[in-house]
C-alpha atoms as a PDB file:
ATOM      1  CA  UNK A   1     138.455  83.315  63.754  1.00  0.00           C
ATOM      2  CA  UNK A   2     139.687  86.410  64.997  1.00  0.00           C
ATOM      3  CA  UNK A   3     143.643  87.013  64.248  1.00  0.00           C
ATOM      4  CA  UNK A   4     144.453  90.162  66.311  1.00  0.00           C
ATOM      5  CA  UNK A   5     143.984  91.682  69.586  1.00  0.00           C
ATOM      6  CA  UNK A   6     141.690  94.544  68.712  1.00  0.00           C
ATOM      7  CA  UNK A   7     138.533  94.406  70.473  1.00  0.00           C
ATOM      8  CA  UNK A   8     135.248  93.345  68.601  1.00  0.00           C
ATOM      9  CA  UNK A   9     132.523  95.737  68.499  1.00  0.00           C
ATOM     10  CA  UNK A  10     130.619  93.184  70.132  1.00  0.00           C
ATOM     11  CA  UNK A  11     133.149  92.536  73.106  1.00  0.00           C
ATOM     12  CA  UNK A  12     131.136  93.367  76.357  1.00  0.00           C
ATOM     13  CA  UNK A  13     133.047  94.812  79.532  1.00  0.00           C
ATOM     14  CA  UNK A  14     131.818  92.963  82.784  1.00  0.00           C
ATOM     15  CA  UNK A  15     129.653  95.376  84.627  1.00  0.00           C
ATOM     16  CA  UNK A  16     129.386  97.693  81.435  1.00  0.00           C
ATOM     17  CA  UNK A  17     125.878  99.055  80.791  1.00  0.00           C
ATOM     18  CA  UNK A  18     123.949  98.121  77.625  1.00  0.00           C
ATOM     19  CA  UNK A  19     122.782 100.675  75.567  1.00  0.00           C
ATOM     20  CA  UNK A  20     119.007  99.516  76.210  1.00  0.00           C
ATOM     21  CA  UNK A  21     119.611  99.147  79.957  1.00  0.00           C
ATOM     22  CA  UNK A  22     121.207 102.874  79.610  1.00  0.00           C
ATOM     23  CA  UNK A  23     118.147 104.307  77.833  1.00  0.00           C
ATOM     24  CA  UNK A  24     115.791 102.556  80.161  1.00  0.00           C
ATOM     25  CA  UNK A  25     117.739 103.959  83.340  1.00  0.00           C
ATOM     26  CA  UNK A  26     117.623 107.318  81.861  1.00  0.00           C
ATOM     27  CA  UNK A  27     113.702 107.284  81.225  1.00  0.00           C
ATOM     28  CA  UNK A  28     113.538 105.972  84.913  1.00  0.00           C
ATOM     29  CA  UNK A  29     115.573 108.955  86.209  1.00  0.00           C
ATOM     30  CA  UNK A  30     113.537 111.233  84.144  1.00  0.00           C
ATOM     31  CA  UNK A  31     110.034 109.782  85.425  1.00  0.00           C
ATOM     32  CA  UNK A  32     111.501 109.800  89.041  1.00  0.00           C
ATOM     33  CA  UNK A  33     112.380 113.151  88.735  1.00  0.00           C
ATOM     34  CA  UNK A  34     109.086 114.583  87.590  1.00  0.00           C
ATOM     35  CA  UNK A  35     107.225 112.510  90.496  1.00  0.00           C
ATOM     36  CA  UNK A  36     109.424 113.961  93.047  1.00  0.00           C
ATOM     37  CA  UNK A  37     108.721 117.537  91.482  1.00  0.00           C
ATOM     38  CA  UNK A  38     105.110 116.912  91.525  1.00  0.00           C
ATOM     39  CA  UNK A  39     105.123 115.638  95.375  1.00  0.00           C
ATOM     40  CA  UNK A  40     107.302 118.920  96.240  1.00  0.00           C
ATOM     41  CA  UNK A  41     104.734 121.098  94.602  1.00  0.00           C
ATOM     42  CA  UNK A  42     101.665 119.153  95.730  1.00  0.00           C
ATOM     43  CA  UNK A  43     100.384 118.130  91.998  1.00  0.00           C
ATOM     44  CA  UNK A  44      98.681 114.900  93.363  1.00  0.00           C
ATOM     45  CA  UNK A  45      95.038 114.168  93.366  1.00  0.00           C
ATOM     46  CA  UNK A  46      92.685 111.285  94.332  1.00  0.00           C
ATOM     47  CA  UNK A  47      90.842 109.603  91.753  1.00  0.00           C
ATOM     48  CA  UNK A  48      87.812 107.784  93.248  1.00  0.00           C
ATOM     49  CA  UNK A  49      86.305 104.104  91.523  1.00  0.00           C
ATOM     50  CA  UNK A  50      83.163 102.701  93.112  1.00  0.00           C
ATOM     51  CA  UNK A  51      83.201  99.291  94.565  1.00  0.00           C
ATOM     52  CA  UNK A  52      79.790  97.792  94.185  1.00  0.00           C
ATOM     53  CA  UNK A  53      77.743  95.311  96.063  1.00  0.00           C
ATOM     54  CA  UNK A  54      77.360  92.045  93.689  1.00  0.00           C
ATOM     55  CA  UNK A  55      73.679  91.808  94.622  1.00  0.00           C
ATOM     56  CA  UNK A  56      72.932  95.430  94.358  1.00  0.00           C
ATOM     57  CA  UNK A  57      75.404  96.874  91.563  1.00  0.00           C
ATOM     58  CA  UNK A  58      73.474 100.199  91.672  1.00  0.00           C
ATOM     59  CA  UNK A  59      75.000 100.762  94.929  1.00  0.00           C
ATOM     60  CA  UNK A  60      78.666 101.158  95.944  1.00  0.00           C
ATOM     61  CA  UNK A  61      79.866  99.693  98.905  1.00  0.00           C
ATOM     62  CA  UNK A  62      82.762 102.215  99.160  1.00  0.00           C
ATOM     63  CA  UNK A  63      84.884 103.952  96.784  1.00  0.00           C
ATOM     64  CA  UNK A  64      88.556 103.330  96.150  1.00  0.00           C
ATOM     65  CA  UNK A  65      90.751 106.560  96.247  1.00  0.00           C
ATOM     66  CA  UNK A  66      93.813 106.111  93.535  1.00  0.00           C
ATOM     67  CA  UNK A  67      96.658 108.538  93.724  1.00  0.00           C
ATOM     68  CA  UNK A  68      97.306 110.740  90.444  1.00  0.00           C
ATOM     69  CA  UNK A  69     100.494 112.295  89.857  1.00  0.00           C
ATOM     70  CA  UNK A  70     100.550 115.283  87.591  1.00  0.00           C
ATOM     71  CA  UNK A  71     103.461 116.711  85.493  1.00  0.00           C
ATOM     72  CA  UNK A  72     103.973 120.631  85.200  1.00  0.00           C
ATOM     73  CA  UNK A  73     101.279 120.839  82.071  1.00  0.00           C
ATOM     74  CA  UNK A  74      98.616 119.037  84.497  1.00  0.00           C
ATOM     75  CA  UNK A  75      98.761 115.632  82.578  1.00  0.00           C
ATOM     76  CA  UNK A  76      98.746 112.470  84.664  1.00  0.00           C
ATOM     77  CA  UNK A  77     102.029 110.826  84.820  1.00  0.00           C
ATOM     78  CA  UNK A  78     101.306 106.866  84.197  1.00  0.00           C
ATOM     79  CA  UNK A  79     101.788 104.803  87.178  1.00  0.00           C
ATOM     80  CA  UNK A  80     103.827 102.202  85.302  1.00  0.00           C
ATOM     81  CA  UNK A  81     106.355 104.717  84.551  1.00  0.00           C
ATOM     82  CA  UNK A  82     107.291 105.055  88.337  1.00  0.00           C
ATOM     83  CA  UNK A  83     105.746 102.787  90.601  1.00  0.00           C
ATOM     84  CA  UNK A  84     108.263 100.151  90.750  1.00  0.00           C
ATOM     85  CA  UNK A  85     111.053 102.509  91.185  1.00  0.00           C
ATOM     86  CA  UNK A  86     109.555 104.461  93.929  1.00  0.00           C
ATOM     87  CA  UNK A  87     108.285 101.599  96.113  1.00  0.00           C
ATOM     88  CA  UNK A  88     111.274 100.949  97.986  1.00  0.00           C
ATOM     89  CA  UNK A  89     112.073 104.704  98.388  1.00  0.00           C
ATOM     90  CA  UNK A  90     111.223 107.663 100.583  1.00  0.00           C
ATOM     91  CA  UNK A  91     109.627 109.123  97.679  1.00  0.00           C
ATOM     92  CA  UNK A  92     107.332 106.204  97.774  1.00  0.00           C
ATOM     93  CA  UNK A  93     106.592 106.797 101.365  1.00  0.00           C
ATOM     94  CA  UNK A  94     105.776 110.692 101.004  1.00  0.00           C
ATOM     95  CA  UNK A  95     103.353 109.464  97.794  1.00  0.00           C
ATOM     96  CA  UNK A  96     101.511 107.272 100.556  1.00  0.00           C
ATOM     97  CA  UNK A  97     101.398 109.991 103.075  1.00  0.00           C
ATOM     98  CA  UNK A  98     100.078 112.540 100.255  1.00  0.00           C
ATOM     99  CA  UNK A  99      97.192 109.692  99.335  1.00  0.00           C
ATOM    100  CA  UNK A 100      96.041 109.023 103.046  1.00  0.00           C
ATOM    101  CA  UNK A 101      95.961 112.786 103.814  1.00  0.00           C
ATOM    102  CA  UNK A 102      93.717 113.427 100.998  1.00  0.00           C
ATOM    103  CA  UNK A 103      91.565 110.507 101.639  1.00  0.00           C
ATOM    104  CA  UNK A 104      91.082 111.418 105.389  1.00  0.00           C
ATOM    105  CA  UNK A 105      90.190 114.855 104.353  1.00  0.00           C
ATOM    106  CA  UNK A 106      87.681 113.534 101.999  1.00  0.00           C
ATOM    107  CA  UNK A 107      86.181 111.355 104.797  1.00  0.00           C
ATOM    108  CA  UNK A 108      85.946 114.338 107.092  1.00  0.00           C
ATOM    109  CA  UNK A 109      84.060 116.627 104.648  1.00  0.00           C
ATOM    110  CA  UNK A 110      81.665 113.639 103.459  1.00  0.00           C
ATOM    111  CA  UNK A 111      80.405 111.906 106.601  1.00  0.00           C
ATOM    112  CA  UNK A 112      78.345 109.289 104.162  1.00  0.00           C
ATOM    113  CA  UNK A 113      81.271 108.470 102.237  1.00  0.00           C
ATOM    114  CA  UNK A 114      83.352 105.205 103.106  1.00  0.00           C
ATOM    115  CA  UNK A 115      86.864 105.009 101.238  1.00  0.00           C
ATOM    116  CA  UNK A 116      89.930 102.785 100.789  1.00  0.00           C
ATOM    117  CA  UNK A 117      93.335 104.093 100.152  1.00  0.00           C
ATOM    118  CA  UNK A 118      96.527 102.311  99.089  1.00  0.00           C
ATOM    119  CA  UNK A 119      99.807 101.894 101.180  1.00  0.00           C
ATOM    120  CA  UNK A 120     102.709  99.738 101.088  1.00  0.00           C
ATOM    121  CA  UNK A 121     103.630  97.917 104.348  1.00  0.00           C
ATOM    122  CA  UNK A 122     106.975  99.916 104.248  1.00  0.00           C
ATOM    123  CA  UNK A 123     104.865 103.013 105.312  1.00  0.00           C
ATOM    124  CA  UNK A 124     103.905 101.260 108.592  1.00  0.00           C
ATOM    125  CA  UNK A 125     107.049 102.581 110.187  1.00  0.00           C
ATOM    126  CA  UNK A 126     107.321 105.737 108.533  1.00  0.00           C
ATOM    127  CA  UNK A 127     106.766 108.678 111.253  1.00  0.00           C
ATOM    128  CA  UNK A 128     105.059 110.997 108.829  1.00  0.00           C
ATOM    129  CA  UNK A 129     102.561 108.663 107.711  1.00  0.00           C
ATOM    130  CA  UNK A 130     101.542 107.388 111.050  1.00  0.00           C
ATOM    131  CA  UNK A 131     101.185 111.302 112.337  1.00  0.00           C
ATOM    132  CA  UNK A 132      99.025 111.711 109.390  1.00  0.00           C
ATOM    133  CA  UNK A 133      96.640 109.113 110.518  1.00  0.00           C
ATOM    134  CA  UNK A 134      96.668 109.417 114.156  1.00  0.00           C
ATOM    135  CA  UNK A 135      96.133 113.200 114.017  1.00  0.00           C
ATOM    136  CA  UNK A 136      93.030 112.872 111.921  1.00  0.00           C
ATOM    137  CA  UNK A 137      91.617 110.016 114.187  1.00  0.00           C
ATOM    138  CA  UNK A 138      92.261 112.099 117.050  1.00  0.00           C
ATOM    139  CA  UNK A 139      90.088 114.874 115.580  1.00  0.00           C
ATOM    140  CA  UNK A 140      87.472 112.562 114.566  1.00  0.00           C
ATOM    141  CA  UNK A 141      87.227 108.972 115.694  1.00  0.00           C
ATOM    142  CA  UNK A 142      84.753 108.154 113.462  1.00  0.00           C
ATOM    143  CA  UNK A 143      86.909 108.580 110.432  1.00  0.00           C
ATOM    144  CA  UNK A 144      88.472 104.887 111.119  1.00  0.00           C
ATOM    145  CA  UNK A 145      85.080 103.481 110.992  1.00  0.00           C
ATOM    146  CA  UNK A 146      84.917 104.578 107.061  1.00  0.00           C
ATOM    147  CA  UNK A 147      88.370 103.927 106.451  1.00  0.00           C
ATOM    148  CA  UNK A 148      89.819 100.971 104.370  1.00  0.00           C
ATOM    149  CA  UNK A 149      93.528 100.438 104.080  1.00  0.00           C
ATOM    150  CA  UNK A 150      94.779  98.370 101.144  1.00  0.00           C
ATOM    151  CA  UNK A 151      98.056  96.484 101.487  1.00  0.00           C
ATOM    152  CA  UNK A 152      99.474  94.915  98.533  1.00  0.00           C
ATOM    153  CA  UNK A 153      99.935  91.079  98.923  1.00  0.00           C
ATOM    154  CA  UNK A 154     103.767  91.504  97.772  1.00  0.00           C
ATOM    155  CA  UNK A 155     104.645  94.158 100.533  1.00  0.00           C
ATOM    156  CA  UNK A 156     102.699  92.369 103.072  1.00  0.00           C
ATOM    157  CA  UNK A 157     104.738  89.494 102.975  1.00  0.00           C
ATOM    158  CA  UNK A 158     108.095  91.414 103.376  1.00  0.00           C
ATOM    159  CA  UNK A 159     107.148  91.969 107.175  1.00  0.00           C
ATOM    160  CA  UNK A 160     104.339  89.643 107.919  1.00  0.00           C
ATOM    161  CA  UNK A 161     104.723  90.096 111.725  1.00  0.00           C
ATOM    162  CA  UNK A 162     104.796  93.863 111.677  1.00  0.00           C
ATOM    163  CA  UNK A 163     101.620  93.916 109.133  1.00  0.00           C
ATOM    164  CA  UNK A 164      99.595  91.700 111.915  1.00  0.00           C
ATOM    165  CA  UNK A 165     100.759  93.664 114.856  1.00  0.00           C
ATOM    166  CA  UNK A 166      99.892  97.136 112.952  1.00  0.00           C
ATOM    167  CA  UNK A 167      96.478  95.763 111.719  1.00  0.00           C
ATOM    168  CA  UNK A 168      95.408  94.775 115.197  1.00  0.00           C
ATOM    169  CA  UNK A 169      96.414  98.003 116.727  1.00  0.00           C
ATOM    170  CA  UNK A 170      94.187  99.869 114.047  1.00  0.00           C
ATOM    171  CA  UNK A 171      91.413  97.244 114.013  1.00  0.00           C
ATOM    172  CA  UNK A 172      90.532  98.348 117.435  1.00  0.00           C
ATOM    173  CA  UNK A 173      89.910 101.821 116.171  1.00  0.00           C
ATOM    174  CA  UNK A 174      87.504 100.470 113.481  1.00  0.00           C
ATOM    175  CA  UNK A 175      89.770 100.512 110.552  1.00  0.00           C
ATOM    176  CA  UNK A 176      89.186  97.760 108.001  1.00  0.00           C
ATOM    177  CA  UNK A 177      91.962  96.358 106.124  1.00  0.00           C
ATOM    178  CA  UNK A 178      92.053  94.889 102.595  1.00  0.00           C
ATOM    179  CA  UNK A 179      94.604  92.553 101.026  1.00  0.00           C
ATOM    180  CA  UNK A 180      95.381  94.071  97.538  1.00  0.00           C
ATOM    181  CA  UNK A 181      96.177  91.738  94.353  1.00  0.00           C
ATOM    182  CA  UNK A 182      95.163  88.644  96.263  1.00  0.00           C
ATOM    183  CA  UNK A 183      96.420  85.495  94.390  1.00  0.00           C
ATOM    184  CA  UNK A 184      99.083  87.424  92.788  1.00  0.00           C
ATOM    185  CA  UNK A 185     101.530  84.655  94.140  1.00  0.00           C
ATOM    186  CA  UNK A 186     103.151  85.775  97.486  1.00  0.00           C
ATOM    187  CA  UNK A 187     100.958  85.098 100.128  1.00  0.00           C
ATOM    188  CA  UNK A 188     102.081  81.936 102.500  1.00  0.00           C
ATOM    189  CA  UNK A 189      98.498  80.699 103.589  1.00  0.00           C
ATOM    190  CA  UNK A 190     100.040  80.497 107.177  1.00  0.00           C
ATOM    191  CA  UNK A 191     100.188  84.076 107.105  1.00  0.00           C
ATOM    192  CA  UNK A 192      96.918  84.477 105.652  1.00  0.00           C
ATOM    193  CA  UNK A 193      95.632  82.840 108.602  1.00  0.00           C
ATOM    194  CA  UNK A 194      97.241  85.144 110.881  1.00  0.00           C
ATOM    195  CA  UNK A 195      96.758  88.546 109.193  1.00  0.00           C
ATOM    196  CA  UNK A 196      92.899  88.880 109.943  1.00  0.00           C
ATOM    197  CA  UNK A 197      92.409  90.849 106.714  1.00  0.00           C
ATOM    198  CA  UNK A 198      88.702  91.752 106.614  1.00  0.00           C
ATOM    199  CA  UNK A 199      88.601  91.698 102.822  1.00  0.00           C
ATOM    200  CA  UNK A 200      90.691  90.442  99.901  1.00  0.00           C
ATOM    201  CA  UNK A 201      90.585  91.958  96.296  1.00  0.00           C
ATOM    202  CA  UNK A 202      91.305  89.195  93.657  1.00  0.00           C
ATOM    203  CA  UNK A 203      93.937  89.970  91.280  1.00  0.00           C
ATOM    204  CA  UNK A 204      92.505  91.517  88.139  1.00  0.00           C
ATOM    205  CA  UNK A 205      94.701  89.163  85.874  1.00  0.00           C
ATOM    206  CA  UNK A 206      92.273  86.405  87.026  1.00  0.00           C
ATOM    207  CA  UNK A 207      89.327  88.270  86.386  1.00  0.00           C
ATOM    208  CA  UNK A 208      89.265  89.759  82.772  1.00  0.00           C
ATOM    209  CA  UNK A 209      87.581  87.618  80.227  1.00  0.00           C
ATOM    210  CA  UNK A 210      86.733  85.125  83.104  1.00  0.00           C
ATOM    211  CA  UNK A 211      83.485  83.936  81.755  1.00  0.00           C
ATOM    212  CA  UNK A 212      85.379  82.205  79.018  1.00  0.00           C
ATOM    213  CA  UNK A 213      88.545  81.042  80.775  1.00  0.00           C
ATOM    214  CA  UNK A 214      88.233  77.909  82.576  1.00  0.00           C
ATOM    215  CA  UNK A 215      91.599  77.950  84.207  1.00  0.00           C
ATOM    216  CA  UNK A 216      91.110  81.375  85.806  1.00  0.00           C
ATOM    217  CA  UNK A 217      87.286  80.131  86.743  1.00  0.00           C
ATOM    218  CA  UNK A 218      89.139  77.453  88.881  1.00  0.00           C
ATOM    219  CA  UNK A 219      91.654  79.875  90.083  1.00  0.00           C
ATOM    220  CA  UNK A 220      88.968  82.458  91.331  1.00  0.00           C
ATOM    221  CA  UNK A 221      87.009  79.742  92.819  1.00  0.00           C
ATOM    222  CA  UNK A 222      89.589  78.415  95.001  1.00  0.00           C
ATOM    223  CA  UNK A 223      90.395  82.388  96.017  1.00  0.00           C
ATOM    224  CA  UNK A 224      86.719  82.796  96.856  1.00  0.00           C
ATOM    225  CA  UNK A 225      86.928  79.540  98.827  1.00  0.00           C
ATOM    226  CA  UNK A 226      89.717  80.400 100.595  1.00  0.00           C
ATOM    227  CA  UNK A 227      88.701  84.074 101.618  1.00  0.00           C
ATOM    228  CA  UNK A 228      85.316  82.160 102.783  1.00  0.00           C
ATOM    229  CA  UNK A 229      87.256  79.772 105.070  1.00  0.00           C
ATOM    230  CA  UNK A 230      88.754  83.268 106.734  1.00  0.00           C
ATOM    231  CA  UNK A 231      85.906  84.909 107.089  1.00  0.00           C
ATOM    232  CA  UNK A 232      86.731  87.579 104.293  1.00  0.00           C
ATOM    233  CA  UNK A 233      84.941  89.498 102.086  1.00  0.00           C
ATOM    234  CA  UNK A 234      85.744  89.227  98.447  1.00  0.00           C
ATOM    235  CA  UNK A 235      86.151  91.971  95.842  1.00  0.00           C
ATOM    236  CA  UNK A 236      86.909  91.233  92.113  1.00  0.00           C
ATOM    237  CA  UNK A 237      89.099  93.699  90.467  1.00  0.00           C
ATOM    238  CA  UNK A 238      88.912  94.861  86.912  1.00  0.00           C
ATOM    239  CA  UNK A 239      85.441  93.888  85.818  1.00  0.00           C
ATOM    240  CA  UNK A 240      84.990  95.007  82.453  1.00  0.00           C
ATOM    241  CA  UNK A 241      82.167  93.024  80.882  1.00  0.00           C
ATOM    242  CA  UNK A 242      78.530  92.222  81.763  1.00  0.00           C
ATOM    243  CA  UNK A 243      79.339  88.433  80.962  1.00  0.00           C
ATOM    244  CA  UNK A 244      82.286  88.370  83.537  1.00  0.00           C
ATOM    245  CA  UNK A 245      80.225  90.114  86.001  1.00  0.00           C
ATOM    246  CA  UNK A 246      77.563  87.350  85.832  1.00  0.00           C
ATOM    247  CA  UNK A 247      79.870  84.641  86.167  1.00  0.00           C
ATOM    248  CA  UNK A 248      81.330  86.236  89.216  1.00  0.00           C
ATOM    249  CA  UNK A 249      78.055  86.938  91.121  1.00  0.00           C
ATOM    250  CA  UNK A 250      77.453  83.255  90.450  1.00  0.00           C
ATOM    251  CA  UNK A 251      80.455  82.179  91.831  1.00  0.00           C
ATOM    252  CA  UNK A 252      79.724  84.186  95.159  1.00  0.00           C
ATOM    253  CA  UNK A 253      81.957  87.057  94.742  1.00  0.00           C
ATOM    254  CA  UNK A 254      80.936  89.862  97.259  1.00  0.00           C
ATOM    255  CA  UNK A 255      81.693  93.234  95.392  1.00  0.00           C
ATOM    256  CA  UNK A 256      82.815  94.173  92.142  1.00  0.00           C
ATOM    257  CA  UNK A 257      85.045  96.746  90.734  1.00  0.00           C
ATOM    258  CA  UNK A 258      86.035  97.750  87.326  1.00  0.00           C
ATOM    259  CA  UNK A 259      85.190  99.999  84.231  1.00  0.00           C
ATOM    260  CA  UNK A 260      81.789  98.244  83.855  1.00  0.00           C
ATOM    261  CA  UNK A 261      80.736 100.367  87.064  1.00  0.00           C
ATOM    262  CA  UNK A 262      82.861 103.425  86.587  1.00  0.00           C
ATOM    263  CA  UNK A 263      86.287 104.679  85.840  1.00  0.00           C
ATOM    264  CA  UNK A 264      88.496 106.423  88.354  1.00  0.00           C
ATOM    265  CA  UNK A 265      87.302 110.087  88.323  1.00  0.00           C
ATOM    266  CA  UNK A 266      88.680 113.336  89.977  1.00  0.00           C
ATOM    267  CA  UNK A 267      85.174 114.560  90.047  1.00  0.00           C
ATOM    268  CA  UNK A 268      83.136 111.964  92.082  1.00  0.00           C
ATOM    269  CA  UNK A 269      79.074 112.338  92.480  1.00  0.00           C
ATOM    270  CA  UNK A 270      79.705 114.108  96.108  1.00  0.00           C
ATOM    271  CA  UNK A 271      81.772 116.756  94.760  1.00  0.00           C
ATOM    272  CA  UNK A 272      79.249 117.214  91.979  1.00  0.00           C
ATOM    273  CA  UNK A 273      76.611 117.607  94.725  1.00  0.00           C
ATOM    274  CA  UNK A 274      78.662 120.067  96.751  1.00  0.00           C
ATOM    275  CA  UNK A 275      78.682 122.476  93.733  1.00  0.00           C
ATOM    276  CA  UNK A 276      75.147 122.127  92.977  1.00  0.00           C
ATOM    277  CA  UNK A 277      74.872 123.316  96.842  1.00  0.00           C
ATOM    278  CA  UNK A 278      77.019 126.099  96.565  1.00  0.00           C
ATOM    279  CA  UNK A 279      75.708 127.102  93.010  1.00  0.00           C
END
């Protein structure tokens, strides 16, 4: 029992930051500072990962362009260190703009390429993002037919009515839309019916080790059935083993993506062909 009024070392002042929270906040600030510096100096790249047809795994259906942000030494800053912190900020919108710009330039240079680019629904109303897209489409209207925009399930549900209008406008220009992280728990099926996504990417948490996981098998079959009901193609993410791939193919998944078929690379096959042609 305490017998004096001296504060205990364990006393906690309401609103005070705990030592752990302080360390984590400092880490986040340092990561955000590095990311902001990288964006300011254009130290960003796209890494390309193939998405293959389930019935022809040797043939990519398209590639996903994944943003890579480099620090001053050229090393990649892990996305987990900053992605949640930038999602709601203007820095997140600038990263979306950079990814879109690099993706559109790749499509313009390589007429045989089909490419998906990630975006947050928050970028729909960001003027610089829209200008980047419209300028490229006005210069070359065939780009839209080869562009896939991936919108995360969590961000789509923030402004569903805005997303449906946005998608409708751009689908008329040939752009395909993918719902990323499908099954992660945010989508209202009423909105799924209204969205008219062209394809869904089943969240990798259900896919890894699925050949030996009865619970994830049931969930994935349900997601595939829902996608079929709404005439959407399915992509399984994070496919890393042949037994998982065989189970997914048997379950009727349309496309597969993961390290089994190729890791993301900043030197994709068509860039190597360019170097050979100019060598």
